[in-house]
Amino acid sequence: MFRIAFLVAGFSQRTNSRIGLKSPRSRKKPVLFQAGMNLLSDVLLLRRLTPEEREFLLALLKWKGISFFEWVTSSGFPSVSKDTLIWKSDSQPEDIAQTKDWSREACLLGRFDREEKNAFLRAGANRIYDLTVFPLDEFPIFRPSKPIHPEAILLTRNENLYYKYRSLFRAAGSNAYWCRDIFGLPNLLKETKPGLLILDAESFEARELIEKLRPILGVPYFPLSFCLIDFGRENVYQDLARGLKDLAKAFFDPKDLLLFIRDRFALRSACEESGYQAIVWGGTPRNIREYEFPNIPKIPDDKGQSVLNGRIRRMFLWLGDGAIRGDSSA
């Protein structure tokens, strides 16, 4: 164990000038975790790591008490416990589909040119930690100790959209449930009692959404609801006037809501002029400050947790530019 700790510390010191890693201030004893309960990503898809970087990463995982197993292409996807982290060298875009088939949460870790990154995104990648921008020794391994989002239900038939939201909510220490059918929504709301319901108005006919959801708007288990809608499509404002506007507290372009959820990682504290944990939002809707996210603790005062949240946010920078944050960004 001490030899591993020395390797981790020694690697940072030896390679600081070459790959931008920070030298540790102290050598603390490792803390053992139940990895399956705390891992941020349980599959690491590596790309263009140097031998020293890979050695450092594996030594760090071992030092943290994490069980891990190498995925070799010729042997197929490893059939190992969910408590075991899987890693793969020289990953390819087709690996993304396999991780989803096995209900794993994958993160790309390494170096990519624009064409390669786009190929992974087209294949369904949701988390990318780019070593050309950020140092390896700041790569986040564990989930936040406290959730920064409530649990959510996403009513949609768009599988890729659901996986994007689920990846974000899980990274925030929470979870997102998938409901593909309006008929199943009332029971799922009763069972999970989420803090947020996200309705995808582009997956269903407006009339169907209005007729099926209006009867349950006043029930105790109906949570805060947001609606995803394409403001550029034909007849969108007619659909809103027919009753769609009554189903949700706010309406977002699908990408805008993703960015809003992502940029909450950058919060250091609640904004002074608002009692809610919100950000100064420049997208749709403009009045996002009025909506409270229930069932979550206050933004932690712990500086270490804030730093971790900022590092987790790095995995989702590929989504693009988002909100103008109310206080210092990560």
C-alpha atoms as a PDB file:
ATOM      1  CA  MET A   1       0.000   0.000   0.000  1.00  0.00           C
ATOM      2  CA  PHE A   2       2.779   2.466   0.868  1.00  0.00           C
ATOM      3  CA  ARG A   3       4.570   1.552  -2.362  1.00  0.00           C
ATOM      4  CA  ILE A   4       1.419   2.435  -4.308  1.00  0.00           C
ATOM      5  CA  ALA A   5       1.073   5.760  -2.504  1.00  0.00           C
ATOM      6  CA  PHE A   6       4.698   6.521  -3.343  1.00  0.00           C
ATOM      7  CA  LEU A   7       4.069   5.684  -6.993  1.00  0.00           C
ATOM      8  CA  VAL A   8       1.068   8.021  -7.149  1.00  0.00           C
ATOM      9  CA  ALA A   9       2.952  10.882  -5.508  1.00  0.00           C
ATOM     10  CA  GLY A  10       6.125  10.212  -7.459  1.00  0.00           C
ATOM     11  CA  PHE A  11       4.347  10.201 -10.804  1.00  0.00           C
ATOM     12  CA  SER A  12       2.849  13.639 -10.163  1.00  0.00           C
ATOM     13  CA  GLN A  13       6.243  15.039  -9.227  1.00  0.00           C
ATOM     14  CA  ARG A  14       8.129  13.447 -12.140  1.00  0.00           C
ATOM     15  CA  THR A  15       5.685  14.466 -14.863  1.00  0.00           C
ATOM     16  CA  ASN A  16       4.512  17.843 -13.593  1.00  0.00           C
ATOM     17  CA  SER A  17       6.358  19.823 -16.256  1.00  0.00           C
ATOM     18  CA  ARG A  18       5.435  17.491 -19.119  1.00  0.00           C
ATOM     19  CA  ILE A  19       1.703  16.855 -18.725  1.00  0.00           C
ATOM     20  CA  GLY A  20       0.576  19.521 -16.318  1.00  0.00           C
ATOM     21  CA  LEU A  21      -0.072  17.436 -13.203  1.00  0.00           C
ATOM     22  CA  LYS A  22       0.029  19.097  -9.817  1.00  0.00           C
ATOM     23  CA  SER A  23       2.290  17.707  -7.111  1.00  0.00           C
ATOM     24  CA  PRO A  24       0.361  16.553  -4.037  1.00  0.00           C
ATOM     25  CA  ARG A  25       0.820  18.635  -0.916  1.00  0.00           C
ATOM     26  CA  SER A  26       0.804  15.649   1.388  1.00  0.00           C
ATOM     27  CA  ARG A  27       0.655  11.867   1.308  1.00  0.00           C
ATOM     28  CA  LYS A  28      -2.545  10.929   3.043  1.00  0.00           C
ATOM     29  CA  LYS A  29      -3.525   7.386   3.840  1.00  0.00           C
ATOM     30  CA  PRO A  30      -6.033   6.003   1.363  1.00  0.00           C
ATOM     31  CA  VAL A  31      -9.697   5.826   2.288  1.00  0.00           C
ATOM     32  CA  LEU A  32     -11.467   2.635   1.258  1.00  0.00           C
ATOM     33  CA  PHE A  33     -14.893   3.027  -0.351  1.00  0.00           C
ATOM     34  CA  GLN A  34     -17.657   0.711  -1.420  1.00  0.00           C
ATOM     35  CA  ALA A  35     -16.825   1.496  -5.018  1.00  0.00           C
ATOM     36  CA  GLY A  36     -20.122   0.434  -6.580  1.00  0.00           C
ATOM     37  CA  MET A  37     -22.010   2.916  -4.412  1.00  0.00           C
ATOM     38  CA  ASN A  38     -19.684   5.888  -4.889  1.00  0.00           C
ATOM     39  CA  LEU A  39     -18.042   5.710  -8.297  1.00  0.00           C
ATOM     40  CA  LEU A  40     -18.842   8.619 -10.573  1.00  0.00           C
ATOM     41  CA  SER A  41     -18.220   6.516 -13.709  1.00  0.00           C
ATOM     42  CA  ASP A  42     -17.900   2.733 -13.602  1.00  0.00           C
ATOM     43  CA  VAL A  43     -16.292   2.432 -17.061  1.00  0.00           C
ATOM     44  CA  LEU A  44     -13.238   4.451 -18.112  1.00  0.00           C
ATOM     45  CA  LEU A  45     -12.621   4.525 -21.860  1.00  0.00           C
ATOM     46  CA  LEU A  46      -9.025   5.645 -22.288  1.00  0.00           C
ATOM     47  CA  ARG A  47      -7.643   7.336 -25.365  1.00  0.00           C
ATOM     48  CA  ARG A  48      -4.029   8.333 -25.985  1.00  0.00           C
ATOM     49  CA  LEU A  49      -2.783   8.111 -22.414  1.00  0.00           C
ATOM     50  CA  THR A  50       0.960   7.740 -22.057  1.00  0.00           C
ATOM     51  CA  PRO A  51       2.258   4.583 -20.323  1.00  0.00           C
ATOM     52  CA  GLU A  52       3.150   6.712 -17.290  1.00  0.00           C
ATOM     53  CA  GLU A  53      -0.307   8.248 -17.159  1.00  0.00           C
ATOM     54  CA  ARG A  54      -1.971   4.852 -17.342  1.00  0.00           C
ATOM     55  CA  GLU A  55       0.330   3.516 -14.623  1.00  0.00           C
ATOM     56  CA  PHE A  56      -0.512   6.532 -12.468  1.00  0.00           C
ATOM     57  CA  LEU A  57      -4.273   6.114 -12.990  1.00  0.00           C
ATOM     58  CA  LEU A  58      -4.306   2.415 -12.125  1.00  0.00           C
ATOM     59  CA  ALA A  59      -2.097   2.975  -9.087  1.00  0.00           C
ATOM     60  CA  LEU A  60      -4.436   5.735  -7.936  1.00  0.00           C
ATOM     61  CA  LEU A  61      -7.490   3.469  -8.292  1.00  0.00           C
ATOM     62  CA  LYS A  62      -5.774   0.759  -6.291  1.00  0.00           C
ATOM     63  CA  TRP A  63      -4.693   3.245  -3.643  1.00  0.00           C
ATOM     64  CA  LYS A  64      -8.306   4.404  -3.322  1.00  0.00           C
ATOM     65  CA  GLY A  65      -9.397   0.821  -2.680  1.00  0.00           C
ATOM     66  CA  ILE A  66     -11.260   0.452  -5.987  1.00  0.00           C
ATOM     67  CA  SER A  67     -11.500  -2.928  -7.696  1.00  0.00           C
ATOM     68  CA  PHE A  68     -10.873  -2.640 -11.447  1.00  0.00           C
ATOM     69  CA  PHE A  69     -10.702  -4.925 -14.465  1.00  0.00           C
ATOM     70  CA  GLU A  70      -9.303  -4.410 -17.961  1.00  0.00           C
ATOM     71  CA  TRP A  71     -11.661  -4.713 -20.912  1.00  0.00           C
ATOM     72  CA  VAL A  72      -9.850  -6.461 -23.759  1.00  0.00           C
ATOM     73  CA  THR A  73     -11.674  -6.198 -27.081  1.00  0.00           C
ATOM     74  CA  SER A  74     -10.973  -9.772 -28.139  1.00  0.00           C
ATOM     75  CA  SER A  75     -12.526 -11.121 -24.922  1.00  0.00           C
ATOM     76  CA  GLY A  76     -15.763  -9.134 -25.104  1.00  0.00           C
ATOM     77  CA  PHE A  77     -17.278  -6.954 -22.411  1.00  0.00           C
ATOM     78  CA  PRO A  78     -16.198  -8.166 -18.954  1.00  0.00           C
ATOM     79  CA  SER A  79     -18.858  -9.956 -16.940  1.00  0.00           C
ATOM     80  CA  VAL A  80     -17.838  -8.610 -13.553  1.00  0.00           C
ATOM     81  CA  SER A  81     -19.614  -7.219 -10.517  1.00  0.00           C
ATOM     82  CA  LYS A  82     -21.085  -3.725 -10.707  1.00  0.00           C
ATOM     83  CA  ASP A  83     -18.729  -2.870  -7.843  1.00  0.00           C
ATOM     84  CA  THR A  84     -15.801  -3.342 -10.223  1.00  0.00           C
ATOM     85  CA  LEU A  85     -14.614  -0.453 -12.364  1.00  0.00           C
ATOM     86  CA  ILE A  86     -13.864  -1.437 -15.971  1.00  0.00           C
ATOM     87  CA  TRP A  87     -11.185   0.304 -18.013  1.00  0.00           C
ATOM     88  CA  LYS A  88     -10.190  -0.022 -21.662  1.00  0.00           C
ATOM     89  CA  SER A  89      -7.175   1.244 -23.579  1.00  0.00           C
ATOM     90  CA  ASP A  90      -7.410   2.703 -27.087  1.00  0.00           C
ATOM     91  CA  SER A  91     -11.190   2.986 -26.917  1.00  0.00           C
ATOM     92  CA  GLN A  92     -13.338   3.310 -30.019  1.00  0.00           C
ATOM     93  CA  PRO A  93     -16.781   4.916 -30.574  1.00  0.00           C
ATOM     94  CA  GLU A  94     -18.456   1.516 -30.860  1.00  0.00           C
ATOM     95  CA  ASP A  95     -17.510   0.815 -27.233  1.00  0.00           C
ATOM     96  CA  ILE A  96     -20.143   3.334 -26.092  1.00  0.00           C
ATOM     97  CA  ALA A  97     -23.063   1.149 -27.177  1.00  0.00           C
ATOM     98  CA  GLN A  98     -21.691  -1.844 -25.289  1.00  0.00           C
ATOM     99  CA  THR A  99     -21.403   0.089 -22.044  1.00  0.00           C
ATOM    100  CA  LYS A 100     -25.059   1.122 -22.366  1.00  0.00           C
ATOM    101  CA  ASP A 101     -26.098  -2.442 -23.137  1.00  0.00           C
ATOM    102  CA  TRP A 102     -24.545  -3.442 -19.811  1.00  0.00           C
ATOM    103  CA  SER A 103     -26.146  -0.493 -17.954  1.00  0.00           C
ATOM    104  CA  ARG A 104     -22.780   1.070 -17.222  1.00  0.00           C
ATOM    105  CA  GLU A 105     -21.916   4.771 -16.990  1.00  0.00           C
ATOM    106  CA  ALA A 106     -18.856   5.454 -19.128  1.00  0.00           C
ATOM    107  CA  CYS A 107     -16.472   8.389 -19.220  1.00  0.00           C
ATOM    108  CA  LEU A 108     -13.987   9.080 -22.012  1.00  0.00           C
ATOM    109  CA  LEU A 109     -10.611  10.007 -20.584  1.00  0.00           C
ATOM    110  CA  GLY A 110      -7.739  11.092 -22.771  1.00  0.00           C
ATOM    111  CA  ARG A 111      -6.925  13.194 -25.816  1.00  0.00           C
ATOM    112  CA  PHE A 112      -9.100  13.655 -28.894  1.00  0.00           C
ATOM    113  CA  ASP A 113      -9.058  15.785 -31.999  1.00  0.00           C
ATOM    114  CA  ARG A 114     -12.356  17.370 -33.044  1.00  0.00           C
ATOM    115  CA  GLU A 115     -13.270  14.637 -35.512  1.00  0.00           C
ATOM    116  CA  GLU A 116     -12.628  11.887 -32.963  1.00  0.00           C
ATOM    117  CA  LYS A 117     -14.612  13.668 -30.258  1.00  0.00           C
ATOM    118  CA  ASN A 118     -17.549  14.139 -32.612  1.00  0.00           C
ATOM    119  CA  ALA A 119     -17.449  10.445 -33.533  1.00  0.00           C
ATOM    120  CA  PHE A 120     -17.741   9.496 -29.849  1.00  0.00           C
ATOM    121  CA  LEU A 121     -20.568  11.993 -29.340  1.00  0.00           C
ATOM    122  CA  ARG A 122     -22.469  10.610 -32.317  1.00  0.00           C
ATOM    123  CA  ALA A 123     -22.055   7.160 -30.785  1.00  0.00           C
ATOM    124  CA  GLY A 124     -23.747   8.389 -27.592  1.00  0.00           C
ATOM    125  CA  ALA A 125     -20.903   9.505 -25.306  1.00  0.00           C
ATOM    126  CA  ASN A 126     -22.100  11.767 -22.498  1.00  0.00           C
ATOM    127  CA  ARG A 127     -18.954  12.329 -20.417  1.00  0.00           C
ATOM    128  CA  ILE A 128     -15.598  13.473 -21.779  1.00  0.00           C
ATOM    129  CA  TYR A 129     -12.588  14.479 -19.683  1.00  0.00           C
ATOM    130  CA  ASP A 130     -10.088  16.041 -22.068  1.00  0.00           C
ATOM    131  CA  LEU A 131      -6.451  15.791 -20.966  1.00  0.00           C
ATOM    132  CA  THR A 132      -5.428  18.454 -23.465  1.00  0.00           C
ATOM    133  CA  VAL A 133      -7.316  20.923 -21.251  1.00  0.00           C
ATOM    134  CA  PHE A 134      -7.387  19.484 -17.715  1.00  0.00           C
ATOM    135  CA  PRO A 135      -4.770  17.582 -15.663  1.00  0.00           C
ATOM    136  CA  LEU A 136      -5.093  13.871 -14.987  1.00  0.00           C
ATOM    137  CA  ASP A 137      -4.625  14.200 -11.239  1.00  0.00           C
ATOM    138  CA  GLU A 138      -7.796  16.319 -11.044  1.00  0.00           C
ATOM    139  CA  PHE A 139      -9.949  13.689 -12.740  1.00  0.00           C
ATOM    140  CA  PRO A 140     -13.019  13.117 -10.497  1.00  0.00           C
ATOM    141  CA  ILE A 141     -13.501   9.508  -9.411  1.00  0.00           C
ATOM    142  CA  PHE A 142     -16.287   9.641  -6.830  1.00  0.00           C
ATOM    143  CA  ARG A 143     -19.788  11.069  -6.839  1.00  0.00           C
ATOM    144  CA  PRO A 144     -20.673  14.122  -4.715  1.00  0.00           C
ATOM    145  CA  SER A 145     -21.340  13.300  -1.073  1.00  0.00           C
ATOM    146  CA  LYS A 146     -24.575  15.322  -1.251  1.00  0.00           C
ATOM    147  CA  PRO A 147     -26.887  15.632  -4.270  1.00  0.00           C
ATOM    148  CA  ILE A 148     -27.139  19.014  -5.965  1.00  0.00           C
ATOM    149  CA  HIS A 149     -30.273  18.035  -7.890  1.00  0.00           C
ATOM    150  CA  PRO A 150     -33.480  16.255  -6.889  1.00  0.00           C
ATOM    151  CA  GLU A 151     -34.409  12.959  -8.489  1.00  0.00           C
ATOM    152  CA  ALA A 152     -36.275  13.442 -11.743  1.00  0.00           C
ATOM    153  CA  ILE A 153     -38.529  11.642 -14.189  1.00  0.00           C
ATOM    154  CA  LEU A 154     -38.083  12.300 -17.893  1.00  0.00           C
ATOM    155  CA  LEU A 155     -41.147  11.553 -20.004  1.00  0.00           C
ATOM    156  CA  THR A 156     -39.747  11.031 -23.498  1.00  0.00           C
ATOM    157  CA  ARG A 157     -39.426   8.543 -26.334  1.00  0.00           C
ATOM    158  CA  ASN A 158     -36.000   9.914 -27.236  1.00  0.00           C
ATOM    159  CA  GLU A 159     -33.498   7.410 -25.865  1.00  0.00           C
ATOM    160  CA  ASN A 160     -30.387   9.541 -26.487  1.00  0.00           C
ATOM    161  CA  LEU A 161     -31.987  12.537 -24.794  1.00  0.00           C
ATOM    162  CA  TYR A 162     -32.822  10.445 -21.737  1.00  0.00           C
ATOM    163  CA  TYR A 163     -29.262   9.142 -21.420  1.00  0.00           C
ATOM    164  CA  LYS A 164     -27.890  12.706 -21.518  1.00  0.00           C
ATOM    165  CA  TYR A 165     -30.140  13.773 -18.668  1.00  0.00           C
ATOM    166  CA  ARG A 166     -29.532  10.608 -16.675  1.00  0.00           C
ATOM    167  CA  SER A 167     -25.775  11.029 -16.967  1.00  0.00           C
ATOM    168  CA  LEU A 168     -26.009  14.604 -15.668  1.00  0.00           C
ATOM    169  CA  PHE A 169     -28.315  13.738 -12.765  1.00  0.00           C
ATOM    170  CA  ARG A 170     -26.179  10.768 -11.733  1.00  0.00           C
ATOM    171  CA  ALA A 171     -23.071  12.916 -11.851  1.00  0.00           C
ATOM    172  CA  ALA A 172     -24.865  15.280  -9.470  1.00  0.00           C
ATOM    173  CA  GLY A 173     -25.374  12.477  -6.944  1.00  0.00           C
ATOM    174  CA  SER A 174     -29.005  11.968  -7.938  1.00  0.00           C
ATOM    175  CA  ASN A 175     -30.860   9.944 -10.568  1.00  0.00           C
ATOM    176  CA  ALA A 176     -33.282  10.289 -13.478  1.00  0.00           C
ATOM    177  CA  TYR A 177     -35.970   7.726 -14.297  1.00  0.00           C
ATOM    178  CA  TRP A 178     -37.183   7.066 -17.807  1.00  0.00           C
ATOM    179  CA  CYS A 179     -40.885   7.004 -18.630  1.00  0.00           C
ATOM    180  CA  ARG A 180     -41.578   6.229 -22.291  1.00  0.00           C
ATOM    181  CA  ASP A 181     -45.377   6.030 -22.069  1.00  0.00           C
ATOM    182  CA  ILE A 182     -47.800   8.633 -20.719  1.00  0.00           C
ATOM    183  CA  PHE A 183     -50.041   5.880 -19.321  1.00  0.00           C
ATOM    184  CA  GLY A 184     -47.264   4.679 -17.000  1.00  0.00           C
ATOM    185  CA  LEU A 185     -46.425   8.130 -15.638  1.00  0.00           C
ATOM    186  CA  PRO A 186     -48.934   8.314 -12.715  1.00  0.00           C
ATOM    187  CA  ASN A 187     -47.711   5.037 -11.204  1.00  0.00           C
ATOM    188  CA  LEU A 188     -44.054   5.998 -11.654  1.00  0.00           C
ATOM    189  CA  LEU A 189     -44.707   9.338  -9.939  1.00  0.00           C
ATOM    190  CA  LYS A 190     -46.313   7.534  -6.994  1.00  0.00           C
ATOM    191  CA  GLU A 191     -43.463   5.022  -6.710  1.00  0.00           C
ATOM    192  CA  THR A 192     -40.488   7.373  -7.023  1.00  0.00           C
ATOM    193  CA  LYS A 193     -41.892  10.703  -5.726  1.00  0.00           C
ATOM    194  CA  PRO A 194     -39.338  12.750  -7.696  1.00  0.00           C
ATOM    195  CA  GLY A 195     -38.583  16.402  -7.098  1.00  0.00           C
ATOM    196  CA  LEU A 196     -38.768  17.243 -10.789  1.00  0.00           C
ATOM    197  CA  LEU A 197     -40.744  16.066 -13.819  1.00  0.00           C
ATOM    198  CA  ILE A 198     -39.400  16.830 -17.306  1.00  0.00           C
ATOM    199  CA  LEU A 199     -41.922  16.519 -20.138  1.00  0.00           C
ATOM    200  CA  ASP A 200     -40.655  16.154 -23.696  1.00  0.00           C
ATOM    201  CA  ALA A 201     -43.334  17.833 -25.804  1.00  0.00           C
ATOM    202  CA  GLU A 202     -41.515  16.798 -28.987  1.00  0.00           C
ATOM    203  CA  SER A 203     -42.069  13.084 -28.281  1.00  0.00           C
ATOM    204  CA  PHE A 204     -45.858  13.199 -27.991  1.00  0.00           C
ATOM    205  CA  GLU A 205     -48.835  14.891 -29.614  1.00  0.00           C
ATOM    206  CA  ALA A 206     -49.777  18.008 -27.655  1.00  0.00           C
ATOM    207  CA  ARG A 207     -53.407  16.855 -27.403  1.00  0.00           C
ATOM    208  CA  GLU A 208     -52.315  13.525 -25.925  1.00  0.00           C
ATOM    209  CA  LEU A 209     -50.129  15.199 -23.301  1.00  0.00           C
ATOM    210  CA  ILE A 210     -52.874  17.634 -22.317  1.00  0.00           C
ATOM    211  CA  GLU A 211     -55.648  15.017 -22.063  1.00  0.00           C
ATOM    212  CA  LYS A 212     -53.608  12.494 -20.073  1.00  0.00           C
ATOM    213  CA  LEU A 213     -51.758  14.828 -17.700  1.00  0.00           C
ATOM    214  CA  ARG A 214     -54.330  17.494 -16.876  1.00  0.00           C
ATOM    215  CA  PRO A 215     -56.306  15.150 -14.525  1.00  0.00           C
ATOM    216  CA  ILE A 216     -53.238  14.534 -12.305  1.00  0.00           C
ATOM    217  CA  LEU A 217     -51.936  18.112 -12.055  1.00  0.00           C
ATOM    218  CA  GLY A 218     -53.412  18.669  -8.613  1.00  0.00           C
ATOM    219  CA  VAL A 219     -52.473  15.390  -6.947  1.00  0.00           C
ATOM    220  CA  PRO A 220     -49.989  15.582  -4.025  1.00  0.00           C
ATOM    221  CA  TYR A 221     -47.315  13.532  -5.774  1.00  0.00           C
ATOM    222  CA  PHE A 222     -47.204  15.750  -8.884  1.00  0.00           C
ATOM    223  CA  PRO A 223     -43.836  17.571  -8.637  1.00  0.00           C
ATOM    224  CA  LEU A 224     -42.362  20.727 -10.081  1.00  0.00           C
ATOM    225  CA  SER A 225     -42.551  20.250 -13.851  1.00  0.00           C
ATOM    226  CA  PHE A 226     -40.551  21.629 -16.766  1.00  0.00           C
ATOM    227  CA  CYS A 227     -41.357  21.065 -20.423  1.00  0.00           C
ATOM    228  CA  LEU A 228     -38.958  20.609 -23.330  1.00  0.00           C
ATOM    229  CA  ILE A 229     -40.213  22.204 -26.504  1.00  0.00           C
ATOM    230  CA  ASP A 230     -38.858  23.303 -29.888  1.00  0.00           C
ATOM    231  CA  PHE A 231     -39.808  26.974 -30.074  1.00  0.00           C
ATOM    232  CA  GLY A 232     -38.943  27.034 -33.763  1.00  0.00           C
ATOM    233  CA  ARG A 233     -41.367  24.405 -34.944  1.00  0.00           C
ATOM    234  CA  GLU A 234     -44.677  25.094 -36.645  1.00  0.00           C
ATOM    235  CA  ASN A 235     -47.795  25.554 -34.466  1.00  0.00           C
ATOM    236  CA  VAL A 236     -45.818  25.551 -31.214  1.00  0.00           C
ATOM    237  CA  TYR A 237     -47.646  28.567 -29.793  1.00  0.00           C
ATOM    238  CA  GLN A 238     -51.015  27.104 -30.782  1.00  0.00           C
ATOM    239  CA  ASP A 239     -50.134  23.974 -28.778  1.00  0.00           C
ATOM    240  CA  LEU A 240     -49.242  26.143 -25.789  1.00  0.00           C
ATOM    241  CA  ALA A 241     -52.540  28.028 -26.021  1.00  0.00           C
ATOM    242  CA  ARG A 242     -54.570  24.789 -26.268  1.00  0.00           C
ATOM    243  CA  GLY A 243     -53.445  23.807 -22.771  1.00  0.00           C
ATOM    244  CA  LEU A 244     -49.812  22.722 -22.982  1.00  0.00           C
ATOM    245  CA  LYS A 245     -48.851  25.844 -21.019  1.00  0.00           C
ATOM    246  CA  ASP A 246     -50.789  24.514 -18.007  1.00  0.00           C
ATOM    247  CA  LEU A 247     -48.694  21.350 -17.682  1.00  0.00           C
ATOM    248  CA  ALA A 248     -45.381  22.909 -16.640  1.00  0.00           C
ATOM    249  CA  LYS A 249     -43.966  25.828 -14.678  1.00  0.00           C
ATOM    250  CA  ALA A 250     -41.441  26.634 -17.386  1.00  0.00           C
ATOM    251  CA  PHE A 251     -40.645  25.694 -20.978  1.00  0.00           C
ATOM    252  CA  PHE A 252     -37.116  25.091 -22.199  1.00  0.00           C
ATOM    253  CA  ASP A 253     -35.363  24.338 -25.409  1.00  0.00           C
ATOM    254  CA  PRO A 254     -34.018  20.802 -24.709  1.00  0.00           C
ATOM    255  CA  LYS A 255     -30.387  21.926 -24.832  1.00  0.00           C
ATOM    256  CA  ASP A 256     -31.036  24.942 -22.600  1.00  0.00           C
ATOM    257  CA  LEU A 257     -32.281  22.766 -19.750  1.00  0.00           C
ATOM    258  CA  LEU A 258     -29.259  20.481 -20.080  1.00  0.00           C
ATOM    259  CA  LEU A 259     -27.000  23.525 -19.783  1.00  0.00           C
ATOM    260  CA  PHE A 260     -28.933  24.873 -16.812  1.00  0.00           C
ATOM    261  CA  ILE A 261     -28.602  21.574 -14.955  1.00  0.00           C
ATOM    262  CA  ARG A 262     -24.913  21.336 -15.831  1.00  0.00           C
ATOM    263  CA  ASP A 263     -24.071  24.853 -14.728  1.00  0.00           C
ATOM    264  CA  ARG A 264     -25.489  24.303 -11.253  1.00  0.00           C
ATOM    265  CA  PHE A 265     -22.230  22.430 -10.687  1.00  0.00           C
ATOM    266  CA  ALA A 266     -20.530  25.830 -10.737  1.00  0.00           C
ATOM    267  CA  LEU A 267     -22.510  27.239  -7.821  1.00  0.00           C
ATOM    268  CA  ARG A 268     -20.556  28.170  -4.715  1.00  0.00           C
ATOM    269  CA  SER A 269     -23.574  29.292  -2.691  1.00  0.00           C
ATOM    270  CA  ALA A 270     -27.153  30.392  -3.154  1.00  0.00           C
ATOM    271  CA  CYS A 271     -27.423  33.713  -4.970  1.00  0.00           C
ATOM    272  CA  GLU A 272     -27.870  36.560  -2.495  1.00  0.00           C
ATOM    273  CA  GLU A 273     -30.900  38.077  -4.198  1.00  0.00           C
ATOM    274  CA  SER A 274     -32.746  34.752  -4.388  1.00  0.00           C
ATOM    275  CA  GLY A 275     -33.839  32.333  -1.709  1.00  0.00           C
ATOM    276  CA  TYR A 276     -33.534  29.520  -4.210  1.00  0.00           C
ATOM    277  CA  GLN A 277     -30.483  27.653  -5.394  1.00  0.00           C
ATOM    278  CA  ALA A 278     -30.548  29.163  -8.847  1.00  0.00           C
ATOM    279  CA  ILE A 279     -28.185  30.795 -11.289  1.00  0.00           C
ATOM    280  CA  VAL A 280     -28.464  33.937 -13.362  1.00  0.00           C
ATOM    281  CA  TRP A 281     -29.990  32.253 -16.363  1.00  0.00           C
ATOM    282  CA  GLY A 282     -29.569  33.738 -19.816  1.00  0.00           C
ATOM    283  CA  GLY A 283     -31.533  31.088 -21.721  1.00  0.00           C
ATOM    284  CA  THR A 284     -35.170  29.974 -21.693  1.00  0.00           C
ATOM    285  CA  PRO A 285     -37.074  30.761 -19.571  1.00  0.00           C
ATOM    286  CA  ARG A 286     -35.863  34.117 -18.290  1.00  0.00           C
ATOM    287  CA  ASN A 287     -37.626  33.763 -14.950  1.00  0.00           C
ATOM    288  CA  ILE A 288     -35.920  30.558 -13.837  1.00  0.00           C
ATOM    289  CA  ARG A 289     -35.157  32.126 -10.446  1.00  0.00           C
ATOM    290  CA  GLU A 290     -38.791  31.781  -9.472  1.00  0.00           C
ATOM    291  CA  TYR A 291     -38.642  27.994  -9.446  1.00  0.00           C
ATOM    292  CA  GLU A 292     -37.426  26.093  -6.436  1.00  0.00           C
ATOM    293  CA  PHE A 293     -35.750  22.709  -6.657  1.00  0.00           C
ATOM    294  CA  PRO A 294     -37.273  20.797  -3.713  1.00  0.00           C
ATOM    295  CA  ASN A 295     -35.919  17.849  -1.744  1.00  0.00           C
ATOM    296  CA  ILE A 296     -32.236  18.767  -1.996  1.00  0.00           C
ATOM    297  CA  PRO A 297     -29.877  20.236   0.614  1.00  0.00           C
ATOM    298  CA  LYS A 298     -28.409  23.694   0.363  1.00  0.00           C
ATOM    299  CA  ILE A 299     -25.298  24.187  -1.711  1.00  0.00           C
ATOM    300  CA  PRO A 300     -22.562  22.832   0.607  1.00  0.00           C
ATOM    301  CA  ASP A 301     -20.235  25.280   2.300  1.00  0.00           C
ATOM    302  CA  ASP A 302     -17.490  22.652   2.074  1.00  0.00           C
ATOM    303  CA  LYS A 303     -14.865  24.092  -0.259  1.00  0.00           C
ATOM    304  CA  GLY A 304     -13.637  20.617  -1.176  1.00  0.00           C
ATOM    305  CA  GLN A 305     -17.107  19.611  -2.351  1.00  0.00           C
ATOM    306  CA  SER A 306     -17.385  22.770  -4.440  1.00  0.00           C
ATOM    307  CA  VAL A 307     -14.040  21.984  -6.070  1.00  0.00           C
ATOM    308  CA  LEU A 308     -15.227  18.443  -6.852  1.00  0.00           C
ATOM    309  CA  ASN A 309     -18.452  19.745  -8.376  1.00  0.00           C
ATOM    310  CA  GLY A 310     -16.459  22.054 -10.627  1.00  0.00           C
ATOM    311  CA  ARG A 311     -14.278  19.172 -11.790  1.00  0.00           C
ATOM    312  CA  ILE A 312     -17.324  17.017 -12.521  1.00  0.00           C
ATOM    313  CA  ARG A 313     -18.732  19.857 -14.627  1.00  0.00           C
ATOM    314  CA  ARG A 314     -15.687  19.574 -16.895  1.00  0.00           C
ATOM    315  CA  MET A 315     -17.018  16.258 -18.215  1.00  0.00           C
ATOM    316  CA  PHE A 316     -19.988  18.052 -19.759  1.00  0.00           C
ATOM    317  CA  LEU A 317     -18.306  21.073 -21.323  1.00  0.00           C
ATOM    318  CA  TRP A 318     -18.873  19.517 -24.749  1.00  0.00           C
ATOM    319  CA  LEU A 319     -22.518  20.624 -24.398  1.00  0.00           C
ATOM    320  CA  GLY A 320     -21.397  24.157 -25.207  1.00  0.00           C
ATOM    321  CA  ASP A 321     -21.889  27.561 -23.628  1.00  0.00           C
ATOM    322  CA  GLY A 322     -24.560  27.864 -20.995  1.00  0.00           C
ATOM    323  CA  ALA A 323     -25.733  30.160 -18.253  1.00  0.00           C
ATOM    324  CA  ILE A 324     -24.088  33.256 -16.871  1.00  0.00           C
ATOM    325  CA  ARG A 325     -23.379  32.163 -13.327  1.00  0.00           C
ATOM    326  CA  GLY A 326     -24.227  34.307 -10.336  1.00  0.00           C
ATOM    327  CA  ASP A 327     -20.904  33.768  -8.603  1.00  0.00           C
ATOM    328  CA  SER A 328     -17.451  32.367  -9.285  1.00  0.00           C
ATOM    329  CA  SER A 329     -17.254  29.638 -11.865  1.00  0.00           C
ATOM    330  CA  ALA A 330     -15.171  26.447 -11.716  1.00  0.00           C
END
